[in-house]
Amino acid sequence: MILKGNELMNKTRVRSALARATLLASLLSGVVLTLEGCPLVAIGAIGGAVGGGTLVATDRRTLGAQTEDREIQVKAKSRINESLPDEAHVSVTVFNRRVLLTGEVPSAQWKQKAEEVVRGINNVNSIVNELAIQGASSLSSRSNDAYLESRVKGAMVGEKDMRANFYKVVCERDTVYLMGLVTRDEGAAGANVAAQVPGVAQVVKVFQYIKPEDAQALSAAAASGASTPVVTPIDSDPTVGAVPDSSVSSKPLDGQAPVKNSDVHPGNPAPAAK
């Protein structure tokens, strides 16, 4: 009887420990997802929560859009892995229902196939296909990309008057892609910071631009704790071959990496509400 009692107590302790670990993992995962993978900001948020301080993380997407983005990313990655050959290396990043494809594929046929797969997913508003037709990148190249991502995020965190969590940073073969709901001035400032990071070969803007007054409304809602209002990007209509704005340069200036706009292709958006 004593042995059975000890076994029961041990099982209870194990279940309790697993429950605490699961809760902690969920909390940490939520913080990281909300802050768009910015490690410095995430650490500050966790420290503030533990120490009793307050730190408001701002994500300009609605909760519904954030949830859909995660669902689209999981579906797109799974379907691409099933549809493309093993030689392909495709990374999928989703922000506000815009899908960015980066990596390498063996041929133009597979590049187009990857885009078609994504277009078959509901609620994808637009697609930016930056897949390169070449052999898959090496492990060292991918490690360097991860390092450059952290360098760009760190540079944004250290920049005065810049909200680093407004930007989603993706790096592939030394090229930095920037996503986010930003004003044109914010987009230009973020691209300028990224272009100055040593090792960055090129910066590609994949932004969805919003009006300054919409940005102010979003900031006011975040400060008051109100729900995130829905804002419509200025460039919400999908276009092929976006026209570069005046801040785009075709060659490096003063040692900076060149900056360009992405080509945005139509997706499979949800029908407009009647």
Protein backbone atom coordinates (compact mmCIF):
# COMPACT_ATOMS: atom_id res chain seq x y z
CA MET A 1 0.00 0.00 0.00
CA ILE A 2 2.85 2.37 0.84
CA LEU A 3 4.47 1.67 -2.53
CA LYS A 4 1.25 2.39 -4.37
CA GLY A 5 0.84 5.63 -2.43
CA ASN A 6 4.36 6.75 -3.38
CA GLU A 7 3.74 5.88 -7.02
CA LEU A 8 0.54 7.93 -6.99
CA MET A 9 2.36 10.91 -5.46
CA ASN A 10 5.14 10.65 -8.06
CA LYS A 11 2.64 10.56 -10.92
CA THR A 12 0.87 13.60 -9.48
CA ARG A 13 4.16 15.51 -9.28
CA VAL A 14 5.03 14.60 -12.88
CA ARG A 15 1.64 15.75 -14.18
CA SER A 16 1.95 18.99 -12.21
CA ALA A 17 5.45 19.65 -13.59
CA LEU A 18 4.32 18.95 -17.15
CA ALA A 19 1.37 21.30 -16.75
CA ARG A 20 3.63 24.11 -15.51
CA ALA A 21 6.11 23.53 -18.35
CA THR A 22 3.33 23.56 -20.95
CA LEU A 23 1.90 26.81 -19.57
CA LEU A 24 5.33 28.47 -19.57
CA ALA A 25 6.01 27.33 -23.16
CA SER A 26 2.65 28.72 -24.27
CA LEU A 27 3.31 32.07 -22.62
CA LEU A 28 6.77 32.36 -24.16
CA SER A 29 5.46 31.31 -27.58
CA GLY A 30 2.73 33.93 -27.40
CA VAL A 31 5.20 36.67 -26.53
CA VAL A 32 7.56 35.74 -29.36
CA LEU A 33 4.77 35.46 -31.95
CA THR A 34 3.30 38.80 -30.91
CA LEU A 35 6.64 40.56 -31.09
CA GLU A 36 7.44 39.14 -34.54
CA GLY A 37 10.60 37.34 -33.47
CA CYS A 38 12.53 40.32 -32.11
CA PRO A 39 14.64 38.66 -29.38
CA LEU A 40 15.68 41.85 -27.60
CA VAL A 41 12.15 43.11 -27.28
CA ALA A 42 10.87 39.67 -26.29
CA ILE A 43 13.35 39.47 -23.43
CA GLY A 44 12.23 42.88 -22.22
CA ALA A 45 8.60 41.82 -22.34
CA ILE A 46 9.28 38.65 -20.34
CA GLY A 47 11.35 40.54 -17.81
CA GLY A 48 8.62 43.16 -17.43
CA ALA A 49 5.98 40.51 -16.87
CA VAL A 50 8.03 38.73 -14.22
CA GLY A 51 9.19 41.89 -12.47
CA GLY A 52 5.79 43.57 -12.43
CA GLY A 53 6.70 46.21 -15.02
CA THR A 54 4.64 47.00 -18.10
CA LEU A 55 5.66 46.82 -21.72
CA VAL A 56 3.07 47.00 -24.48
CA ALA A 57 3.96 45.07 -27.63
CA THR A 58 2.45 46.63 -30.71
CA ASP A 59 1.32 44.55 -33.66
CA ARG A 60 -0.59 46.54 -36.22
CA ARG A 61 -2.43 43.48 -37.46
CA THR A 62 -5.76 42.54 -35.92
CA LEU A 63 -5.89 39.36 -33.86
CA GLY A 64 -7.88 37.77 -36.66
CA ALA A 65 -5.19 38.61 -39.21
CA GLN A 66 -2.46 37.25 -36.93
CA THR A 67 -4.35 33.98 -36.52
CA GLU A 68 -4.96 33.68 -40.26
CA ASP A 69 -1.31 34.42 -40.99
CA ARG A 70 -0.21 31.50 -38.81
CA GLU A 71 -2.76 29.19 -40.45
CA ILE A 72 -1.73 30.26 -43.96
CA GLN A 73 1.95 29.74 -43.14
CA VAL A 74 1.40 26.21 -41.82
CA LYS A 75 -0.77 25.22 -44.81
CA ALA A 76 1.60 26.78 -47.36
CA LYS A 77 4.70 25.14 -45.93
CA SER A 78 3.02 21.74 -45.72
CA ARG A 79 1.59 21.84 -49.25
CA ILE A 80 4.84 23.11 -50.78
CA ASN A 81 6.79 20.31 -49.10
CA GLU A 82 4.33 17.80 -50.55
CA SER A 83 4.33 19.32 -54.06
CA LEU A 84 7.96 20.27 -54.71
CA PRO A 85 11.01 17.99 -55.07
CA ASP A 86 13.40 17.35 -52.21
CA GLU A 87 16.03 19.53 -53.92
CA ALA A 88 13.89 22.61 -53.30
CA HIS A 89 14.46 24.78 -50.25
CA VAL A 90 11.48 27.10 -49.74
CA SER A 91 10.84 29.40 -46.78
CA VAL A 92 7.35 30.81 -46.26
CA THR A 93 6.71 34.05 -44.38
CA VAL A 94 3.23 35.55 -43.97
CA PHE A 95 2.27 39.01 -42.79
CA ASN A 96 -1.24 40.45 -43.00
CA ARG A 97 -2.24 37.77 -45.54
CA ARG A 98 0.70 38.60 -47.83
CA VAL A 99 2.91 35.56 -48.50
CA LEU A 100 6.64 35.91 -49.13
CA LEU A 101 8.42 32.95 -50.74
CA THR A 102 12.20 32.84 -50.42
CA GLY A 103 14.81 30.15 -50.97
CA GLU A 104 15.87 28.08 -53.97
CA VAL A 105 14.20 25.77 -56.49
CA PRO A 106 15.70 23.66 -59.34
CA SER A 107 13.80 25.32 -62.20
CA ALA A 108 11.35 28.03 -63.26
CA GLN A 109 8.66 25.36 -63.39
CA TRP A 110 9.00 24.68 -59.67
CA LYS A 111 9.14 28.38 -58.86
CA GLN A 112 5.78 28.82 -60.57
CA LYS A 113 4.46 25.65 -58.95
CA ALA A 114 5.23 26.96 -55.47
CA GLU A 115 3.30 30.15 -56.23
CA GLU A 116 0.34 28.19 -57.60
CA VAL A 117 0.25 26.08 -54.45
CA VAL A 118 0.07 29.19 -52.27
CA ARG A 119 -2.57 30.77 -54.51
CA GLY A 120 -4.78 27.77 -53.84
CA ILE A 121 -4.98 28.65 -50.15
CA ASN A 122 -7.97 30.71 -49.05
CA ASN A 123 -7.52 34.29 -47.77
CA VAL A 124 -4.09 34.83 -49.32
CA ASN A 125 -4.36 38.43 -50.52
CA SER A 126 -1.06 38.62 -52.39
CA ILE A 127 2.15 36.71 -53.09
CA VAL A 128 5.74 37.89 -53.39
CA ASN A 129 7.74 35.18 -55.13
CA GLU A 130 11.45 35.75 -54.51
CA LEU A 131 12.52 32.14 -55.09
CA ALA A 132 15.88 31.80 -56.86
CA ILE A 133 16.43 29.18 -59.55
CA GLN A 134 19.57 27.48 -58.29
CA GLY A 135 20.80 24.77 -55.96
CA ALA A 136 19.73 24.85 -52.32
CA SER A 137 21.77 27.13 -50.06
CA SER A 138 24.31 25.59 -47.70
CA LEU A 139 23.94 25.26 -43.95
CA SER A 140 26.62 27.90 -43.42
CA SER A 141 24.75 30.30 -45.71
CA ARG A 142 21.54 29.82 -43.74
CA SER A 143 23.40 30.30 -40.47
CA ASN A 144 24.82 33.55 -41.79
CA ASP A 145 21.32 34.64 -42.84
CA ALA A 146 20.05 34.04 -39.29
CA TYR A 147 22.96 36.11 -37.99
CA LEU A 148 22.18 38.97 -40.39
CA GLU A 149 18.52 38.89 -39.36
CA SER A 150 19.53 39.36 -35.74
CA ARG A 151 21.93 42.16 -36.72
CA VAL A 152 19.19 44.03 -38.61
CA LYS A 153 16.69 43.61 -35.76
CA GLY A 154 19.31 44.78 -33.28
CA ALA A 155 20.09 47.85 -35.41
CA MET A 156 16.36 48.71 -35.50
CA VAL A 157 16.03 48.29 -31.73
CA GLY A 158 18.98 50.63 -31.23
CA GLU A 159 17.63 53.28 -33.61
CA LYS A 160 16.06 56.27 -31.89
CA ASP A 161 12.34 56.84 -32.58
CA MET A 162 12.01 53.52 -34.46
CA ARG A 163 9.58 50.79 -33.35
CA ALA A 164 11.43 47.63 -34.31
CA ASN A 165 8.36 45.43 -33.86
CA PHE A 166 6.63 47.23 -36.75
CA TYR A 167 8.98 45.34 -39.09
CA LYS A 168 9.22 41.65 -39.94
CA VAL A 169 12.76 40.79 -41.08
CA VAL A 170 13.61 37.86 -43.33
CA CYS A 171 17.08 37.15 -44.73
CA GLU A 172 17.96 34.83 -47.61
CA ARG A 173 21.43 34.59 -49.17
CA ASP A 174 22.45 37.98 -47.67
CA THR A 175 19.33 39.72 -49.04
CA VAL A 176 17.05 41.25 -46.40
CA TYR A 177 13.29 41.33 -46.97
CA LEU A 178 11.20 43.71 -44.88
CA MET A 179 7.49 43.19 -44.28
CA GLY A 180 5.00 45.12 -42.20
CA LEU A 181 2.14 47.63 -42.07
CA VAL A 182 4.04 50.92 -42.20
CA THR A 183 3.79 54.43 -43.55
CA ARG A 184 6.02 55.24 -46.51
CA ASP A 185 8.33 57.24 -44.23
CA GLU A 186 8.57 54.33 -41.78
CA GLY A 187 9.29 51.96 -44.65
CA ALA A 188 12.06 54.15 -46.01
CA ALA A 189 13.59 54.53 -42.54
CA GLY A 190 13.54 50.77 -41.89
CA ALA A 191 15.09 50.01 -45.27
CA ASN A 192 17.80 52.59 -44.66
CA VAL A 193 18.75 51.02 -41.32
CA ALA A 194 18.85 47.52 -42.81
CA ALA A 195 20.93 48.69 -45.77
CA GLN A 196 23.66 49.97 -43.44
CA VAL A 197 24.18 46.64 -41.64
CA PRO A 198 27.51 45.11 -42.73
CA GLY A 199 27.07 41.97 -44.80
CA VAL A 200 23.64 42.85 -46.20
CA ALA A 201 23.85 42.61 -49.99
CA GLN A 202 20.40 44.02 -50.82
CA VAL A 203 17.19 45.17 -49.13
CA VAL A 204 13.81 44.34 -50.65
CA LYS A 205 10.74 46.20 -49.39
CA VAL A 206 7.69 43.95 -49.13
CA PHE A 207 5.71 46.46 -47.09
CA GLN A 208 2.01 47.17 -47.14
CA TYR A 209 1.74 50.93 -46.77
CA ILE A 210 -0.82 52.66 -44.57
CA LYS A 211 -1.76 56.32 -44.24
CA PRO A 212 -0.11 58.39 -41.45
CA GLU A 213 -3.51 59.02 -39.89
CA ASP A 214 -4.16 55.27 -39.77
CA ALA A 215 -0.79 54.76 -38.09
CA GLN A 216 -1.77 57.36 -35.47
CA ALA A 217 -5.09 55.61 -34.87
CA LEU A 218 -3.31 52.30 -34.37
CA SER A 219 -0.85 53.85 -31.89
CA ALA A 220 -3.70 55.47 -29.96
CA ALA A 221 -5.56 52.16 -29.74
CA ALA A 222 -2.44 50.38 -28.48
CA ALA A 223 -1.79 53.05 -25.85
CA SER A 224 -5.37 52.88 -24.55
CA GLY A 225 -5.57 49.10 -24.63
CA ALA A 226 -8.40 49.16 -27.16
CA SER A 227 -8.77 46.49 -29.82
CA THR A 228 -6.70 46.99 -32.98
CA PRO A 229 -8.75 48.83 -35.63
CA VAL A 230 -8.84 47.46 -39.16
CA VAL A 231 -6.85 49.60 -41.60
CA THR A 232 -6.75 49.20 -45.37
CA PRO A 233 -3.28 49.35 -46.94
CA ILE A 234 -2.85 51.98 -49.64
CA ASP A 235 -1.48 49.31 -52.00
CA SER A 236 -4.12 46.72 -51.17
CA ASP A 237 -4.83 46.00 -54.86
CA PRO A 238 -2.37 43.34 -56.09
CA THR A 239 -0.04 44.54 -58.82
CA VAL A 240 2.66 42.86 -60.84
CA GLY A 241 5.94 44.73 -60.96
CA ALA A 242 5.35 47.48 -58.41
CA VAL A 243 6.59 50.89 -59.57
CA PRO A 244 9.60 51.94 -57.47
CA ASP A 245 9.17 55.05 -55.35
CA SER A 246 11.66 57.90 -55.13
CA SER A 247 13.53 56.30 -52.22
CA VAL A 248 14.55 53.24 -54.22
CA SER A 249 18.08 53.12 -55.60
CA SER A 250 19.38 50.69 -58.20
CA LYS A 251 22.94 50.79 -56.90
CA PRO A 252 24.60 51.17 -53.50
CA LEU A 253 25.04 54.70 -52.16
CA ASP A 254 27.85 55.54 -49.73
CA GLY A 255 28.62 51.89 -49.10
CA GLN A 256 25.02 50.95 -48.35
CA ALA A 257 23.26 47.94 -49.81
CA PRO A 258 20.87 48.70 -52.70
CA VAL A 259 17.15 48.89 -51.90
CA LYS A 260 14.29 47.88 -54.18
CA ASN A 261 10.55 47.21 -54.07
CA SER A 262 9.17 43.69 -54.42
CA ASP A 263 6.99 42.40 -57.25
CA VAL A 264 3.55 41.67 -55.81
CA HIS A 265 1.34 39.03 -57.46
CA PRO A 266 -2.38 38.44 -56.81
CA GLY A 267 -3.40 35.77 -54.34
CA ASN A 268 -6.72 34.19 -53.44
CA PRO A 269 -8.39 36.82 -51.20
CA ALA A 270 -11.60 36.26 -49.33
CA PRO A 271 -14.75 37.64 -51.01
CA ALA A 272 -15.64 41.17 -49.97
CA ALA A 273 -18.37 41.35 -47.36
CA LYS A 274 -21.74 42.43 -48.75
